[in-house]
Every structure is written in structure tokens, then in C-alpha cells.
Protein backbone atom coordinates (compact mmCIF):
# COMPACT_ATOMS: atom_id res chain seq x y z
CA LEU A 1 0.30 0.19 0.25
CA LEU A 2 3.06 2.18 0.07
CA GLY A 3 4.05 2.31 -2.13
CA VAL A 4 1.02 2.86 -4.05
CA LEU A 5 1.00 6.34 -2.17
CA ILE A 6 4.06 6.37 -3.49
CA ALA A 7 4.17 6.18 -6.95
CA GLY A 8 0.24 8.70 -6.90
CA HIS A 9 2.23 10.84 -4.82
CA GLN A 10 5.39 10.96 -7.99
CA GLY A 11 2.71 10.58 -10.56
CA THR A 12 0.98 13.92 -9.25
CA ALA A 13 4.18 15.77 -8.25
CA THR A 14 5.96 15.03 -12.51
CA THR A 15 1.81 16.09 -13.88
CA LEU A 16 2.06 19.55 -11.83
CA HIS A 17 5.43 20.14 -13.08
CA GLN A 18 4.75 19.28 -16.60
CA THR A 19 1.50 21.03 -15.82
CA GLN A 20 3.59 25.00 -14.69
CA ALA A 21 6.37 23.97 -17.51
CA PHE A 22 3.30 24.80 -20.18
CA LEU A 23 2.68 27.59 -18.54
CA LEU A 24 5.63 29.29 -18.58
CA ALA A 25 5.76 28.55 -22.62
CA ASP A 26 2.56 29.04 -23.00
CA ASP A 27 2.57 33.14 -20.97
CA VAL A 28 5.03 33.24 -23.70
CA VAL A 29 3.27 32.49 -26.81
CA GLU A 30 0.48 34.86 -25.63
CA ALA A 31 2.77 37.67 -24.98
CA ILE A 32 4.20 37.16 -29.12
CA GLY A 33 0.92 37.07 -29.85
CA ALA A 34 -0.18 40.59 -28.12
CA LEU A 35 3.82 41.47 -29.91
CA ARG A 36 4.08 43.68 -33.32
CA TYR A 37 5.70 41.21 -36.02
CA ASP A 38 8.58 43.72 -36.29
CA GLU A 39 9.11 43.24 -32.13
CA VAL A 40 9.53 40.21 -32.35
CA GLY A 41 13.56 39.81 -33.02
CA PRO A 42 16.71 38.71 -31.44
CA GLY A 43 16.14 41.05 -28.89
CA LEU A 44 13.00 39.10 -27.44
CA ALA A 45 14.44 36.48 -24.70
CA ALA A 46 16.31 39.04 -23.10
CA GLU A 47 13.19 40.87 -23.26
CA ILE A 48 10.52 37.90 -21.99
CA ASP A 49 13.83 36.72 -19.24
CA LYS A 50 13.23 40.29 -17.86
CA GLN A 51 9.50 40.87 -18.05
CA MET A 52 8.11 36.82 -16.92
CA PRO A 53 10.89 35.22 -14.49
CA VAL A 54 10.58 31.75 -13.83
CA PRO A 55 11.04 29.87 -10.50
CA PRO A 56 14.61 28.52 -10.10
CA GLN A 57 13.26 25.12 -10.89
CA TYR A 58 12.74 25.41 -14.68
CA LYS A 59 14.69 27.04 -17.28
CA ARG A 60 13.39 28.53 -20.01
CA THR A 61 14.33 29.51 -23.31
CA VAL A 62 13.11 31.67 -25.69
CA GLU A 63 15.18 31.07 -29.20
CA ALA A 64 13.28 33.77 -32.39
CA ASP A 65 14.64 32.37 -36.00
CA PRO A 66 16.69 35.70 -37.17
CA LYS A 67 15.22 34.79 -40.34
CA GLU A 68 11.79 35.24 -41.96
CA ASP A 69 8.81 32.35 -43.94
CA ILE A 70 7.90 34.62 -46.80
CA SER A 71 5.13 33.50 -49.36
CA GLU A 72 3.15 34.77 -51.83
CA THR A 73 -0.85 35.39 -50.38
CA THR A 74 -3.27 32.94 -52.57
CA ASP A 75 -4.77 36.07 -54.08
CA LYS A 76 -1.15 37.52 -55.63
CA LYS A 77 -1.69 40.59 -54.36
CA GLY A 78 0.92 40.50 -51.58
CA LYS A 79 3.92 38.83 -49.39
CA PHE A 80 2.43 37.07 -46.74
CA ARG A 81 5.76 36.95 -43.59
CA VAL A 82 5.75 34.27 -41.00
CA LYS A 83 8.98 35.15 -37.78
CA ILE A 84 9.13 31.25 -36.02
CA VAL A 85 10.42 31.47 -31.91
CA LYS A 86 10.80 28.65 -29.93
CA ILE A 87 10.08 28.12 -27.07
CA LYS A 88 11.46 25.85 -24.35
CA VAL A 89 10.53 24.50 -20.84
CA VAL A 90 13.67 21.93 -18.62
CA TRP A 91 12.64 21.31 -14.97
CA GLU A 92 14.26 17.96 -13.16
CA GLY A 93 11.96 15.67 -12.44
CA PRO A 94 11.11 14.08 -8.95
CA GLY A 95 13.51 11.33 -6.85
CA GLU A 96 15.41 9.87 -10.25
CA GLU A 97 13.55 11.15 -12.73
CA GLU A 98 15.61 12.20 -15.99
CA ARG A 99 15.05 15.62 -17.09
CA ARG A 100 11.83 16.79 -18.50
CA THR A 101 11.42 19.32 -21.50
CA ILE A 102 8.39 20.78 -23.06
CA ARG A 103 8.52 22.43 -26.81
CA LEU A 104 6.49 25.27 -27.30
CA VAL A 105 6.21 26.84 -31.31
CA ALA A 106 4.80 30.63 -31.42
CA LEU A 107 4.62 32.34 -35.36
CA SER A 108 3.87 36.31 -35.59
CA THR A 109 2.23 37.00 -39.35
CA LYS A 110 1.83 40.06 -41.36
CA VAL A 111 0.80 40.28 -44.61
CA ASP A 112 2.38 43.16 -46.49
CA ARG A 113 -0.67 44.14 -49.29
């Protein structure tokens, strides 16, 4: 019975860490959605770290791809621009579990006509 209780506690702790890591990454996705297209660039990671600190047991990296993907709009009257931002949150699992990682990708888009 004690083994079942311990396993249940470890499972709950893992779920809590996964949820917290997802929320730390999702906060960045939401912040990027609120930015103008030209605000998403090389200085984004430092600004996110400054404005949105993470608890010490987590490590979050934010990487804005310096190149943008540009394609024609479907009506051929403009350009569709996309910047990709990769977000990774890492934490150590409870006990002897290995390192855990959550990865999300955010897109910033703009249409030039």
C-alpha cells in the first residue's frame, strides 16, 4: 500500500511540473501574440527573461529565428511573412527521474499588400 501511495504522489508531482512548464511556455506564446510583427526579433529572449521570470527549478529558453519565411498570398496581391519563435522549458523530475522538456512554437505573422 505504501508503494502505491508513493507512486501516486510522484505521478501527481510530475503532472504539476508538466502543467507549470506548459504554462511557462504558453505565457510566451500569449506575449508574442500581443506584440507587433517588428517587435519579434533577436532582443525578444532578453525581454521575456526580464519581464517574465521563471521559478528556479525551471529553465526557459526563447529563440526567435532570425530569418523570416516569406510567401505570396493566395490572391497573389501581397506577401505573407512569418517569424518562428521556439520556446523550451526544462526541469528536473522528482526523485531519480530524468530531465523533462516541454517545447512550443509561436508564429508571428504579417501580410504586406
